[in-house]
Amino acid sequence: MDRVIERYFEAGDHDSVFTVNTFHSRFYWPDGKPLNHDLAVMLPTQDLPPLYEENSCLYVFSRDSFAAAGRRIGERPVLVPDRPARGGGYR
């Protein structure tokens, strides 16, 4: 919790902070097409661009940000991984 709150106050021009799960995996659409990779270039999963899942664990935002956006995630959020990414280590 402390790390997320610190990120909010260090965020500069960001208006909200929330926690996410980070994935370095190959994802596919229901029709079998790749979502985040190229089948012709089979990179190791740790080299794929990460995908982030909002995990609803912790949100930090101001009253002004909530009023402006009408939601807890503002227009310029900071995403904070709260567990190690697949493959280990925070990213």
PDB file of N, CA and C in Angstrom:
ATOM      1  N   MET A   1       0.812  -1.187   0.000  1.00  0.00           N
ATOM      2  CA  MET A   1       0.000   0.000   0.000  1.00  0.00           C
ATOM      3  C   MET A   1       0.861   1.260   0.000  1.00  0.00           C
ATOM      4  N   ASP A   2       1.901   1.228   0.788  1.00  0.00           N
ATOM      5  CA  ASP A   2       2.773   2.399   0.867  1.00  0.00           C
ATOM      6  C   ASP A   2       3.355   2.754  -0.498  1.00  0.00           C
ATOM      7  N   ARG A   3       3.782   1.731  -1.250  1.00  0.00           N
ATOM      8  CA  ARG A   3       4.383   1.975  -2.570  1.00  0.00           C
ATOM      9  C   ARG A   3       3.380   2.645  -3.508  1.00  0.00           C
ATOM     10  N   VAL A   4       2.123   2.229  -3.463  1.00  0.00           N
ATOM     11  CA  VAL A   4       1.102   2.804  -4.343  1.00  0.00           C
ATOM     12  C   VAL A   4       0.808   4.251  -3.951  1.00  0.00           C
ATOM     13  N   ILE A   5       0.708   4.515  -2.680  1.00  0.00           N
ATOM     14  CA  ILE A   5       0.457   5.886  -2.211  1.00  0.00           C
ATOM     15  C   ILE A   5       1.635   6.790  -2.562  1.00  0.00           C
ATOM     16  N   GLU A   6       2.849   6.280  -2.373  1.00  0.00           N
ATOM     17  CA  GLU A   6       4.032   7.064  -2.758  1.00  0.00           C
ATOM     18  C   GLU A   6       4.014   7.387  -4.245  1.00  0.00           C
ATOM     19  N   ARG A   7       3.645   6.415  -5.080  1.00  0.00           N
ATOM     20  CA  ARG A   7       3.575   6.657  -6.524  1.00  0.00           C
ATOM     21  C   ARG A   7       2.559   7.746  -6.857  1.00  0.00           C
ATOM     22  N   TYR A   8       1.460   7.804  -6.119  1.00  0.00           N
ATOM     23  CA  TYR A   8       0.457   8.843  -6.360  1.00  0.00           C
ATOM     24  C   TYR A   8       1.063  10.224  -6.130  1.00  0.00           C
ATOM     25  N   PHE A   9       1.778  10.383  -5.035  1.00  0.00           N
ATOM     26  CA  PHE A   9       2.345  11.694  -4.718  1.00  0.00           C
ATOM     27  C   PHE A   9       3.570  12.031  -5.570  1.00  0.00           C
ATOM     28  N   GLU A  10       4.198  11.027  -6.173  1.00  0.00           N
ATOM     29  CA  GLU A  10       5.331  11.252  -7.075  1.00  0.00           C
ATOM     30  C   GLU A  10       4.881  11.364  -8.529  1.00  0.00           C
ATOM     31  N   ALA A  11       3.615  11.197  -8.799  1.00  0.00           N
ATOM     32  CA  ALA A  11       3.110  10.998 -10.154  1.00  0.00           C
ATOM     33  C   ALA A  11       3.223  12.203 -11.075  1.00  0.00           C
ATOM     34  N   GLY A  12       3.464  13.375 -10.566  1.00  0.00           N
ATOM     35  CA  GLY A  12       3.600  14.548 -11.428  1.00  0.00           C
ATOM     36  C   GLY A  12       2.298  14.890 -12.129  1.00  0.00           C
ATOM     37  N   ASP A  13       2.237  14.689 -13.441  1.00  0.00           N
ATOM     38  CA  ASP A  13       1.045  15.069 -14.190  1.00  0.00           C
ATOM     39  C   ASP A  13       0.004  13.943 -14.277  1.00  0.00           C
ATOM     40  N   HIS A  14       0.185  12.869 -13.532  1.00  0.00           N
ATOM     41  CA  HIS A  14      -0.802  11.793 -13.495  1.00  0.00           C
ATOM     42  C   HIS A  14      -1.869  12.107 -12.454  1.00  0.00           C
ATOM     43  N   ASP A  15      -3.083  11.609 -12.678  1.00  0.00           N
ATOM     44  CA  ASP A  15      -4.187  11.979 -11.797  1.00  0.00           C
ATOM     45  C   ASP A  15      -4.726  10.836 -10.956  1.00  0.00           C
ATOM     46  N   SER A  16      -4.215   9.629 -11.139  1.00  0.00           N
ATOM     47  CA  SER A  16      -4.694   8.494 -10.369  1.00  0.00           C
ATOM     48  C   SER A  16      -3.667   7.377 -10.452  1.00  0.00           C
ATOM     49  N   VAL A  17      -3.771   6.450  -9.507  1.00  0.00           N
ATOM     50  CA  VAL A  17      -2.877   5.298  -9.454  1.00  0.00           C
ATOM     51  C   VAL A  17      -3.736   4.085  -9.136  1.00  0.00           C
ATOM     52  N   PHE A  18      -3.446   2.961  -9.800  1.00  0.00           N
ATOM     53  CA  PHE A  18      -4.137   1.730  -9.429  1.00  0.00           C
ATOM     54  C   PHE A  18      -3.231   0.532  -9.650  1.00  0.00           C
ATOM     55  N   THR A  19      -3.529  -0.560  -8.955  1.00  0.00           N
ATOM     56  CA  THR A  19      -2.709  -1.753  -9.030  1.00  0.00           C
ATOM     57  C   THR A  19      -3.173  -2.664 -10.162  1.00  0.00           C
ATOM     58  N   VAL A  20      -2.186  -3.366 -10.716  1.00  0.00           N
ATOM     59  CA  VAL A  20      -2.438  -4.255 -11.846  1.00  0.00           C
ATOM     60  C   VAL A  20      -1.658  -5.562 -11.682  1.00  0.00           C
ATOM     61  N   ASN A  21      -2.116  -6.573 -12.390  1.00  0.00           N
ATOM     62  CA  ASN A  21      -1.358  -7.804 -12.585  1.00  0.00           C
ATOM     63  C   ASN A  21      -0.672  -7.671 -13.940  1.00  0.00           C
ATOM     64  N   THR A  22       0.570  -8.095 -14.020  1.00  0.00           N
ATOM     65  CA  THR A  22       1.348  -8.006 -15.252  1.00  0.00           C
ATOM     66  C   THR A  22       1.502  -9.393 -15.855  1.00  0.00           C
ATOM     67  N   PHE A  23       1.279  -9.482 -17.163  1.00  0.00           N
ATOM     68  CA  PHE A  23       1.398 -10.761 -17.860  1.00  0.00           C
ATOM     69  C   PHE A  23       2.389 -10.649 -19.008  1.00  0.00           C
ATOM     70  N   HIS A  24       3.275 -11.602 -19.074  1.00  0.00           N
ATOM     71  CA  HIS A  24       4.179 -11.783 -20.211  1.00  0.00           C
ATOM     72  C   HIS A  24       3.848 -13.174 -20.764  1.00  0.00           C
ATOM     73  N   SER A  25       2.746 -13.251 -21.481  1.00  0.00           N
ATOM     74  CA  SER A  25       2.250 -14.504 -22.035  1.00  0.00           C
ATOM     75  C   SER A  25       1.723 -14.243 -23.430  1.00  0.00           C
ATOM     76  N   ARG A  26       1.560 -15.311 -24.175  1.00  0.00           N
ATOM     77  CA  ARG A  26       0.948 -15.189 -25.503  1.00  0.00           C
ATOM     78  C   ARG A  26      -0.560 -15.278 -25.337  1.00  0.00           C
ATOM     79  N   PHE A  27      -1.250 -14.240 -25.759  1.00  0.00           N
ATOM     80  CA  PHE A  27      -2.706 -14.211 -25.684  1.00  0.00           C
ATOM     81  C   PHE A  27      -3.293 -14.267 -27.089  1.00  0.00           C
ATOM     82  N   TYR A  28      -4.493 -14.837 -27.172  1.00  0.00           N
ATOM     83  CA  TYR A  28      -5.186 -14.998 -28.444  1.00  0.00           C
ATOM     84  C   TYR A  28      -6.621 -14.519 -28.331  1.00  0.00           C
ATOM     85  N   TRP A  29      -7.159 -14.051 -29.438  1.00  0.00           N
ATOM     86  CA  TRP A  29      -8.578 -13.738 -29.546  1.00  0.00           C
ATOM     87  C   TRP A  29      -9.353 -15.055 -29.685  1.00  0.00           C
ATOM     88  N   PRO A  30     -10.654 -15.061 -29.435  1.00  0.00           N
ATOM     89  CA  PRO A  30     -11.429 -16.302 -29.567  1.00  0.00           C
ATOM     90  C   PRO A  30     -11.331 -16.956 -30.949  1.00  0.00           C
ATOM     91  N   ASP A  31     -11.055 -16.174 -31.985  1.00  0.00           N
ATOM     92  CA  ASP A  31     -10.950 -16.750 -33.328  1.00  0.00           C
ATOM     93  C   ASP A  31      -9.560 -17.345 -33.616  1.00  0.00           C
ATOM     94  N   GLY A  32      -8.676 -17.349 -32.612  1.00  0.00           N
ATOM     95  CA  GLY A  32      -7.357 -17.944 -32.762  1.00  0.00           C
ATOM     96  C   GLY A  32      -6.275 -16.995 -33.226  1.00  0.00           C
ATOM     97  N   LYS A  33      -6.635 -15.750 -33.504  1.00  0.00           N
ATOM     98  CA  LYS A  33      -5.631 -14.770 -33.922  1.00  0.00           C
ATOM     99  C   LYS A  33      -4.878 -14.263 -32.695  1.00  0.00           C
ATOM    100  N   PRO A  34      -3.559 -14.057 -32.853  1.00  0.00           N
ATOM    101  CA  PRO A  34      -2.790 -13.563 -31.714  1.00  0.00           C
ATOM    102  C   PRO A  34      -3.164 -12.133 -31.343  1.00  0.00           C
ATOM    103  N   LEU A  35      -3.201 -11.886 -30.060  1.00  0.00           N
ATOM    104  CA  LEU A  35      -3.521 -10.552 -29.539  1.00  0.00           C
ATOM    105  C   LEU A  35      -2.261  -9.700 -29.378  1.00  0.00           C
ATOM    106  N   ASN A  36      -1.224 -10.273 -28.842  1.00  0.00           N
ATOM    107  CA  ASN A  36      -0.058  -9.474 -28.455  1.00  0.00           C
ATOM    108  C   ASN A  36       1.269  -9.990 -29.001  1.00  0.00           C
ATOM    109  N   HIS A  37       1.209 -10.772 -30.058  1.00  0.00           N
ATOM    110  CA  HIS A  37       2.459 -11.281 -30.632  1.00  0.00           C
ATOM    111  C   HIS A  37       2.253 -11.644 -32.097  1.00  0.00           C
ATOM    112  N   ASP A  38       3.376 -11.922 -32.752  1.00  0.00           N
ATOM    113  CA  ASP A  38       3.383 -12.295 -34.162  1.00  0.00           C
ATOM    114  C   ASP A  38       3.779 -13.766 -34.244  1.00  0.00           C
ATOM    115  N   LEU A  39       2.917 -14.604 -34.826  1.00  0.00           N
ATOM    116  CA  LEU A  39       3.220 -16.031 -34.922  1.00  0.00           C
ATOM    117  C   LEU A  39       4.501 -16.306 -35.710  1.00  0.00           C
ATOM    118  N   ALA A  40       4.854 -15.412 -36.605  1.00  0.00           N
ATOM    119  CA  ALA A  40       6.063 -15.597 -37.405  1.00  0.00           C
ATOM    120  C   ALA A  40       7.331 -15.260 -36.624  1.00  0.00           C
ATOM    121  N   VAL A  41       7.176 -14.565 -35.504  1.00  0.00           N
ATOM    122  CA  VAL A  41       8.315 -14.167 -34.669  1.00  0.00           C
ATOM    123  C   VAL A  41       8.014 -14.627 -33.252  1.00  0.00           C
ATOM    124  N   MET A  42       8.424 -15.831 -32.925  1.00  0.00           N
ATOM    125  CA  MET A  42       8.101 -16.403 -31.621  1.00  0.00           C
ATOM    126  C   MET A  42       9.136 -15.977 -30.578  1.00  0.00           C
ATOM    127  N   LEU A  43       8.957 -14.773 -30.087  1.00  0.00           N
ATOM    128  CA  LEU A  43       9.835 -14.262 -29.038  1.00  0.00           C
ATOM    129  C   LEU A  43       9.641 -15.063 -27.761  1.00  0.00           C
ATOM    130  N   PRO A  44      10.671 -15.148 -26.927  1.00  0.00           N
ATOM    131  CA  PRO A  44      10.464 -15.701 -25.599  1.00  0.00           C
ATOM    132  C   PRO A  44       9.410 -14.850 -24.867  1.00  0.00           C
ATOM    133  N   THR A  45       8.577 -15.483 -24.074  1.00  0.00           N
ATOM    134  CA  THR A  45       7.486 -14.737 -23.442  1.00  0.00           C
ATOM    135  C   THR A  45       7.982 -13.566 -22.609  1.00  0.00           C
ATOM    136  N   GLN A  46       9.142 -13.684 -21.976  1.00  0.00           N
ATOM    137  CA  GLN A  46       9.643 -12.571 -21.168  1.00  0.00           C
ATOM    138  C   GLN A  46      10.002 -11.352 -22.014  1.00  0.00           C
ATOM    139  N   ASP A  47      10.159 -11.534 -23.333  1.00  0.00           N
ATOM    140  CA  ASP A  47      10.464 -10.419 -24.225  1.00  0.00           C
ATOM    141  C   ASP A  47       9.224  -9.804 -24.867  1.00  0.00           C
ATOM    142  N   LEU A  48       8.052 -10.399 -24.635  1.00  0.00           N
ATOM    143  CA  LEU A  48       6.812  -9.826 -25.164  1.00  0.00           C
ATOM    144  C   LEU A  48       6.473  -8.547 -24.416  1.00  0.00           C
ATOM    145  N   PRO A  49       5.811  -7.604 -25.069  1.00  0.00           N
ATOM    146  CA  PRO A  49       5.354  -6.422 -24.338  1.00  0.00           C
ATOM    147  C   PRO A  49       4.350  -6.866 -23.270  1.00  0.00           C
ATOM    148  N   PRO A  50       4.438  -6.325 -22.079  1.00  0.00           N
ATOM    149  CA  PRO A  50       3.517  -6.752 -21.031  1.00  0.00           C
ATOM    150  C   PRO A  50       2.090  -6.300 -21.304  1.00  0.00           C
ATOM    151  N   LEU A  51       1.157  -7.090 -20.812  1.00  0.00           N
ATOM    152  CA  LEU A  51      -0.252  -6.700 -20.762  1.00  0.00           C
ATOM    153  C   LEU A  51      -0.612  -6.543 -19.291  1.00  0.00           C
ATOM    154  N   TYR A  52      -1.484  -5.599 -19.008  1.00  0.00           N
ATOM    155  CA  TYR A  52      -1.824  -5.286 -17.622  1.00  0.00           C
ATOM    156  C   TYR A  52      -3.308  -5.527 -17.375  1.00  0.00           C
ATOM    157  N   GLU A  53      -3.599  -6.162 -16.252  1.00  0.00           N
ATOM    158  CA  GLU A  53      -4.964  -6.440 -15.840  1.00  0.00           C
ATOM    159  C   GLU A  53      -5.270  -5.651 -14.567  1.00  0.00           C
ATOM    160  N   GLU A  54      -6.276  -4.811 -14.629  1.00  0.00           N
ATOM    161  CA  GLU A  54      -6.731  -4.107 -13.432  1.00  0.00           C
ATOM    162  C   GLU A  54      -7.186  -5.170 -12.438  1.00  0.00           C
ATOM    163  N   ASN A  55      -6.641  -5.136 -11.221  1.00  0.00           N
ATOM    164  CA  ASN A  55      -6.982  -6.193 -10.271  1.00  0.00           C
ATOM    165  C   ASN A  55      -7.883  -5.738  -9.122  1.00  0.00           C
ATOM    166  N   SER A  56      -8.303  -4.500  -9.139  1.00  0.00           N
ATOM    167  CA  SER A  56      -9.263  -3.975  -8.152  1.00  0.00           C
ATOM    168  C   SER A  56      -8.776  -4.061  -6.714  1.00  0.00           C
ATOM    169  N   CYS A  57      -7.454  -4.093  -6.524  1.00  0.00           N
ATOM    170  CA  CYS A  57      -6.923  -4.165  -5.156  1.00  0.00           C
ATOM    171  C   CYS A  57      -6.799  -2.799  -4.495  1.00  0.00           C
ATOM    172  N   LEU A  58      -6.283  -1.806  -5.232  1.00  0.00           N
ATOM    173  CA  LEU A  58      -6.046  -0.508  -4.608  1.00  0.00           C
ATOM    174  C   LEU A  58      -6.101   0.594  -5.655  1.00  0.00           C
ATOM    175  N   TYR A  59      -6.796   1.669  -5.320  1.00  0.00           N
ATOM    176  CA  TYR A  59      -6.904   2.847  -6.178  1.00  0.00           C
ATOM    177  C   TYR A  59      -6.589   4.067  -5.324  1.00  0.00           C
ATOM    178  N   VAL A  60      -5.890   5.025  -5.904  1.00  0.00           N
ATOM    179  CA  VAL A  60      -5.649   6.300  -5.239  1.00  0.00           C
ATOM    180  C   VAL A  60      -5.971   7.387  -6.256  1.00  0.00           C
ATOM    181  N   PHE A  61      -6.814   8.322  -5.860  1.00  0.00           N
ATOM    182  CA  PHE A  61      -7.224   9.413  -6.748  1.00  0.00           C
ATOM    183  C   PHE A  61      -7.718  10.561  -5.879  1.00  0.00           C
ATOM    184  N   SER A  62      -7.764  11.748  -6.453  1.00  0.00           N
ATOM    185  CA  SER A  62      -8.250  12.907  -5.713  1.00  0.00           C
ATOM    186  C   SER A  62      -9.743  13.105  -5.958  1.00  0.00           C
ATOM    187  N   ARG A  63     -10.344  13.873  -5.135  1.00  0.00           N
ATOM    188  CA  ARG A  63     -11.745  14.241  -5.320  1.00  0.00           C
ATOM    189  C   ARG A  63     -11.927  14.958  -6.658  1.00  0.00           C
ATOM    190  N   ASP A  64     -10.985  15.857  -6.988  1.00  0.00           N
ATOM    191  CA  ASP A  64     -11.064  16.593  -8.254  1.00  0.00           C
ATOM    192  C   ASP A  64     -10.970  15.655  -9.461  1.00  0.00           C
ATOM    193  N   SER A  65     -10.065  14.680  -9.389  1.00  0.00           N
ATOM    194  CA  SER A  65      -9.920  13.726 -10.490  1.00  0.00           C
ATOM    195  C   SER A  65     -11.204  12.913 -10.662  1.00  0.00           C
ATOM    196  N   PHE A  66     -11.776  12.471  -9.555  1.00  0.00           N
ATOM    197  CA  PHE A  66     -13.015  11.687  -9.631  1.00  0.00           C
ATOM    198  C   PHE A  66     -14.151  12.523 -10.214  1.00  0.00           C
ATOM    199  N   ALA A  67     -14.239  13.768  -9.798  1.00  0.00           N
ATOM    200  CA  ALA A  67     -15.302  14.648 -10.311  1.00  0.00           C
ATOM    201  C   ALA A  67     -15.120  14.905 -11.810  1.00  0.00           C
ATOM    202  N   ALA A  68     -13.879  15.089 -12.246  1.00  0.00           N
ATOM    203  CA  ALA A  68     -13.622  15.386 -13.657  1.00  0.00           C
ATOM    204  C   ALA A  68     -13.884  14.178 -14.553  1.00  0.00           C
ATOM    205  N   ALA A  69     -13.449  12.990 -14.116  1.00  0.00           N
ATOM    206  CA  ALA A  69     -13.565  11.793 -14.953  1.00  0.00           C
ATOM    207  C   ALA A  69     -14.864  11.032 -14.712  1.00  0.00           C
ATOM    208  N   GLY A  70     -15.443  11.194 -13.517  1.00  0.00           N
ATOM    209  CA  GLY A  70     -16.643  10.437 -13.166  1.00  0.00           C
ATOM    210  C   GLY A  70     -16.343   8.985 -12.819  1.00  0.00           C
ATOM    211  N   ARG A  71     -15.080   8.702 -12.487  1.00  0.00           N
ATOM    212  CA  ARG A  71     -14.664   7.345 -12.134  1.00  0.00           C
ATOM    213  C   ARG A  71     -13.349   7.414 -11.353  1.00  0.00           C
ATOM    214  N   ARG A  72     -12.967   6.298 -10.772  1.00  0.00           N
ATOM    215  CA  ARG A  72     -11.760   6.295  -9.939  1.00  0.00           C
ATOM    216  C   ARG A  72     -10.468   6.292 -10.750  1.00  0.00           C
ATOM    217  N   ILE A  73     -10.491   5.806 -11.989  1.00  0.00           N
ATOM    218  CA  ILE A  73      -9.307   5.867 -12.856  1.00  0.00           C
ATOM    219  C   ILE A  73      -9.444   7.102 -13.726  1.00  0.00           C
ATOM    220  N   GLY A  74      -8.500   8.019 -13.574  1.00  0.00           N
ATOM    221  CA  GLY A  74      -8.560   9.282 -14.298  1.00  0.00           C
ATOM    222  C   GLY A  74      -8.099   9.155 -15.739  1.00  0.00           C
ATOM    223  N   GLU A  75      -7.848  10.283 -16.346  1.00  0.00           N
ATOM    224  CA  GLU A  75      -7.413  10.327 -17.741  1.00  0.00           C
ATOM    225  C   GLU A  75      -5.929  10.025 -17.910  1.00  0.00           C
ATOM    226  N   ARG A  76      -5.148  10.179 -16.841  1.00  0.00           N
ATOM    227  CA  ARG A  76      -3.694   9.981 -16.902  1.00  0.00           C
ATOM    228  C   ARG A  76      -3.232   9.124 -15.715  1.00  0.00           C
ATOM    229  N   PRO A  77      -3.604   7.849 -15.702  1.00  0.00           N
ATOM    230  CA  PRO A  77      -3.272   7.007 -14.549  1.00  0.00           C
ATOM    231  C   PRO A  77      -1.838   6.464 -14.572  1.00  0.00           C
ATOM    232  N   VAL A  78      -1.391   6.052 -13.409  1.00  0.00           N
ATOM    233  CA  VAL A  78      -0.152   5.304 -13.242  1.00  0.00           C
ATOM    234  C   VAL A  78      -0.557   3.883 -12.857  1.00  0.00           C
ATOM    235  N   LEU A  79      -0.003   2.894 -13.543  1.00  0.00           N
ATOM    236  CA  LEU A  79      -0.276   1.493 -13.236  1.00  0.00           C
ATOM    237  C   LEU A  79       0.859   0.957 -12.383  1.00  0.00           C
ATOM    238  N   VAL A  80       0.529   0.314 -11.266  1.00  0.00           N
ATOM    239  CA  VAL A  80       1.539  -0.207 -10.351  1.00  0.00           C
ATOM    240  C   VAL A  80       1.337  -1.711 -10.187  1.00  0.00           C
ATOM    241  N   PRO A  81       2.279  -2.526 -10.697  1.00  0.00           N
ATOM    242  CA  PRO A  81       2.178  -3.964 -10.477  1.00  0.00           C
ATOM    243  C   PRO A  81       2.271  -4.275  -8.989  1.00  0.00           C
ATOM    244  N   ASP A  82       1.395  -5.143  -8.503  1.00  0.00           N
ATOM    245  CA  ASP A  82       1.447  -5.457  -7.077  1.00  0.00           C
ATOM    246  C   ASP A  82       1.914  -6.877  -6.804  1.00  0.00           C
ATOM    247  N   ARG A  83       2.260  -7.620  -7.849  1.00  0.00           N
ATOM    248  CA  ARG A  83       2.846  -8.944  -7.677  1.00  0.00           C
ATOM    249  C   ARG A  83       3.872  -9.156  -8.782  1.00  0.00           C
ATOM    250  N   PRO A  84       4.746 -10.111  -8.581  1.00  0.00           N
ATOM    251  CA  PRO A  84       5.721 -10.365  -9.645  1.00  0.00           C
ATOM    252  C   PRO A  84       5.027 -10.748 -10.953  1.00  0.00           C
ATOM    253  N   ALA A  85       5.601 -10.305 -12.048  1.00  0.00           N
ATOM    254  CA  ALA A  85       5.096 -10.686 -13.367  1.00  0.00           C
ATOM    255  C   ALA A  85       5.411 -12.148 -13.627  1.00  0.00           C
ATOM    256  N   ARG A  86       4.670 -12.727 -14.560  1.00  0.00           N
ATOM    257  CA  ARG A  86       4.994 -14.093 -14.952  1.00  0.00           C
ATOM    258  C   ARG A  86       6.454 -14.112 -15.393  1.00  0.00           C
ATOM    259  N   GLY A  87       7.222 -15.005 -14.851  1.00  0.00           N
ATOM    260  CA  GLY A  87       8.652 -15.053 -15.159  1.00  0.00           C
ATOM    261  C   GLY A  87       9.477 -14.446 -14.034  1.00  0.00           C
ATOM    262  N   GLY A  88       8.786 -13.842 -13.043  1.00  0.00           N
ATOM    263  CA  GLY A  88       9.469 -13.329 -11.860  1.00  0.00           C
ATOM    264  C   GLY A  88       9.861 -11.881 -11.963  1.00  0.00           C
ATOM    265  N   GLY A  89       9.925 -11.229 -10.851  1.00  0.00           N
ATOM    266  CA  GLY A  89      10.347  -9.839 -10.757  1.00  0.00           C
ATOM    267  C   GLY A  89       9.250  -8.849 -11.107  1.00  0.00           C
ATOM    268  N   TYR A  90       9.280  -7.704 -10.480  1.00  0.00           N
ATOM    269  CA  TYR A  90       8.328  -6.646 -10.802  1.00  0.00           C
ATOM    270  C   TYR A  90       8.789  -5.955 -12.072  1.00  0.00           C
ATOM    271  N   ARG A  91       7.843  -5.543 -12.908  1.00  0.00           N
ATOM    272  CA  ARG A  91       8.198  -4.874 -14.154  1.00  0.00           C
ATOM    273  C   ARG A  91       7.520  -3.530 -14.200  1.00  0.00           C
TER     274      ARG A  91
END
